[in-house]
């Protein structure tokens, strides 16, 4: 079930740097990667940083699609 969070709740969930799921899609091919290297960057505007090594398939998917979803399980 999909749930949209308020900005406050999203910041609270990310404060402890949990493992998050980064999902991407390029030309109909979906990709999911667990990411432990994430951090809040800004409150206004709300920005989150993630670290993915260039050797990972997800890196190429992100570079090509230029968009992703950050999922907090």
C-alpha atoms as a PDB file:
ATOM      1  CA  UNK A   1       0.000   0.000   0.000  1.00  0.00           C
ATOM      2  CA  UNK A   2       1.391   3.364  -1.018  1.00  0.00           C
ATOM      3  CA  UNK A   3       1.360   6.157   1.549  1.00  0.00           C
ATOM      4  CA  UNK A   4       2.419   9.748   0.972  1.00  0.00           C
ATOM      5  CA  UNK A   5       4.240  11.192   3.977  1.00  0.00           C
ATOM      6  CA  UNK A   6       4.289  14.721   5.243  1.00  0.00           C
ATOM      7  CA  UNK A   7       7.644  16.478   5.015  1.00  0.00           C
ATOM      8  CA  UNK A   8       7.982  16.255   8.819  1.00  0.00           C
ATOM      9  CA  UNK A   9       7.396  12.481   8.877  1.00  0.00           C
ATOM     10  CA  UNK A  10       9.818  11.919   5.994  1.00  0.00           C
ATOM     11  CA  UNK A  11      12.592  13.811   7.806  1.00  0.00           C
ATOM     12  CA  UNK A  12      11.888  11.878  11.008  1.00  0.00           C
ATOM     13  CA  UNK A  13      12.184   8.531   9.203  1.00  0.00           C
ATOM     14  CA  UNK A  14      15.455   9.517   7.518  1.00  0.00           C
ATOM     15  CA  UNK A  15      17.061  10.993  10.645  1.00  0.00           C
ATOM     16  CA  UNK A  16      18.563   7.647  11.716  1.00  0.00           C
ATOM     17  CA  UNK A  17      19.842   6.882   8.189  1.00  0.00           C
ATOM     18  CA  UNK A  18      17.898   3.656   7.641  1.00  0.00           C
ATOM     19  CA  UNK A  19      18.500   1.364   4.696  1.00  0.00           C
ATOM     20  CA  UNK A  20      16.228   2.683   1.952  1.00  0.00           C
ATOM     21  CA  UNK A  21      15.182   1.212  -1.383  1.00  0.00           C
ATOM     22  CA  UNK A  22      16.056   3.188  -4.496  1.00  0.00           C
ATOM     23  CA  UNK A  23      13.815   2.301  -7.431  1.00  0.00           C
ATOM     24  CA  UNK A  24      14.379   3.300 -11.042  1.00  0.00           C
ATOM     25  CA  UNK A  25      12.857   2.497 -14.426  1.00  0.00           C
ATOM     26  CA  UNK A  26      14.352   2.915 -17.891  1.00  0.00           C
ATOM     27  CA  UNK A  27      12.561   1.825 -21.089  1.00  0.00           C
ATOM     28  CA  UNK A  28      10.181  -0.394 -19.109  1.00  0.00           C
ATOM     29  CA  UNK A  29      12.918  -2.148 -17.104  1.00  0.00           C
ATOM     30  CA  UNK A  30      12.521  -1.711 -13.333  1.00  0.00           C
ATOM     31  CA  UNK A  31      15.395  -1.778 -10.844  1.00  0.00           C
ATOM     32  CA  UNK A  32      15.480  -1.826  -7.026  1.00  0.00           C
ATOM     33  CA  UNK A  33      18.605  -1.405  -4.876  1.00  0.00           C
ATOM     34  CA  UNK A  34      18.955  -1.211  -1.078  1.00  0.00           C
ATOM     35  CA  UNK A  35      21.039   1.840  -0.130  1.00  0.00           C
ATOM     36  CA  UNK A  36      22.559   2.336   3.317  1.00  0.00           C
ATOM     37  CA  UNK A  37      24.554   5.458   2.375  1.00  0.00           C
ATOM     38  CA  UNK A  38      21.863   8.138   2.527  1.00  0.00           C
ATOM     39  CA  UNK A  39      21.510  11.402   4.381  1.00  0.00           C
ATOM     40  CA  UNK A  40      19.261  14.441   4.613  1.00  0.00           C
ATOM     41  CA  UNK A  41      20.887  17.396   2.831  1.00  0.00           C
ATOM     42  CA  UNK A  42      18.392  20.217   3.270  1.00  0.00           C
ATOM     43  CA  UNK A  43      15.113  20.965   5.012  1.00  0.00           C
ATOM     44  CA  UNK A  44      14.081  23.765   2.666  1.00  0.00           C
ATOM     45  CA  UNK A  45      13.879  22.607  -0.023  1.00  0.00           C
ATOM     46  CA  UNK A  46      13.696  19.003   1.202  1.00  0.00           C
ATOM     47  CA  UNK A  47      16.708  17.185  -0.321  1.00  0.00           C
ATOM     48  CA  UNK A  48      18.189  13.746   0.333  1.00  0.00           C
ATOM     49  CA  UNK A  49      21.596  12.497  -0.796  1.00  0.00           C
ATOM     50  CA  UNK A  50      22.439   8.886  -1.673  1.00  0.00           C
ATOM     51  CA  UNK A  51      25.740   7.250  -2.597  1.00  0.00           C
ATOM     52  CA  UNK A  52      25.893   4.629  -5.360  1.00  0.00           C
ATOM     53  CA  UNK A  53      29.175   3.403  -6.828  1.00  0.00           C
ATOM     54  CA  UNK A  54      29.568   3.859 -10.618  1.00  0.00           C
ATOM     55  CA  UNK A  55      30.158   0.104 -11.035  1.00  0.00           C
ATOM     56  CA  UNK A  56      26.586  -0.681  -9.900  1.00  0.00           C
ATOM     57  CA  UNK A  57      23.794  -1.305 -12.424  1.00  0.00           C
ATOM     58  CA  UNK A  58      21.574   1.139 -10.532  1.00  0.00           C
ATOM     59  CA  UNK A  59      24.092   3.918 -11.197  1.00  0.00           C
ATOM     60  CA  UNK A  60      23.618   3.507 -14.960  1.00  0.00           C
ATOM     61  CA  UNK A  61      19.836   3.322 -14.583  1.00  0.00           C
ATOM     62  CA  UNK A  62      19.841   6.580 -12.589  1.00  0.00           C
ATOM     63  CA  UNK A  63      22.135   8.307 -15.059  1.00  0.00           C
ATOM     64  CA  UNK A  64      19.930   7.332 -18.012  1.00  0.00           C
ATOM     65  CA  UNK A  65      16.490   7.917 -16.471  1.00  0.00           C
ATOM     66  CA  UNK A  66      17.560  10.904 -14.312  1.00  0.00           C
ATOM     67  CA  UNK A  67      14.854  10.095 -11.782  1.00  0.00           C
ATOM     68  CA  UNK A  68      14.236   7.659  -8.949  1.00  0.00           C
ATOM     69  CA  UNK A  69      11.966   6.977  -6.008  1.00  0.00           C
ATOM     70  CA  UNK A  70      13.289   6.715  -2.475  1.00  0.00           C
ATOM     71  CA  UNK A  71      11.320   4.096  -0.524  1.00  0.00           C
ATOM     72  CA  UNK A  72      11.567   3.818   3.263  1.00  0.00           C
ATOM     73  CA  UNK A  73      10.446   0.308   4.324  1.00  0.00           C
END
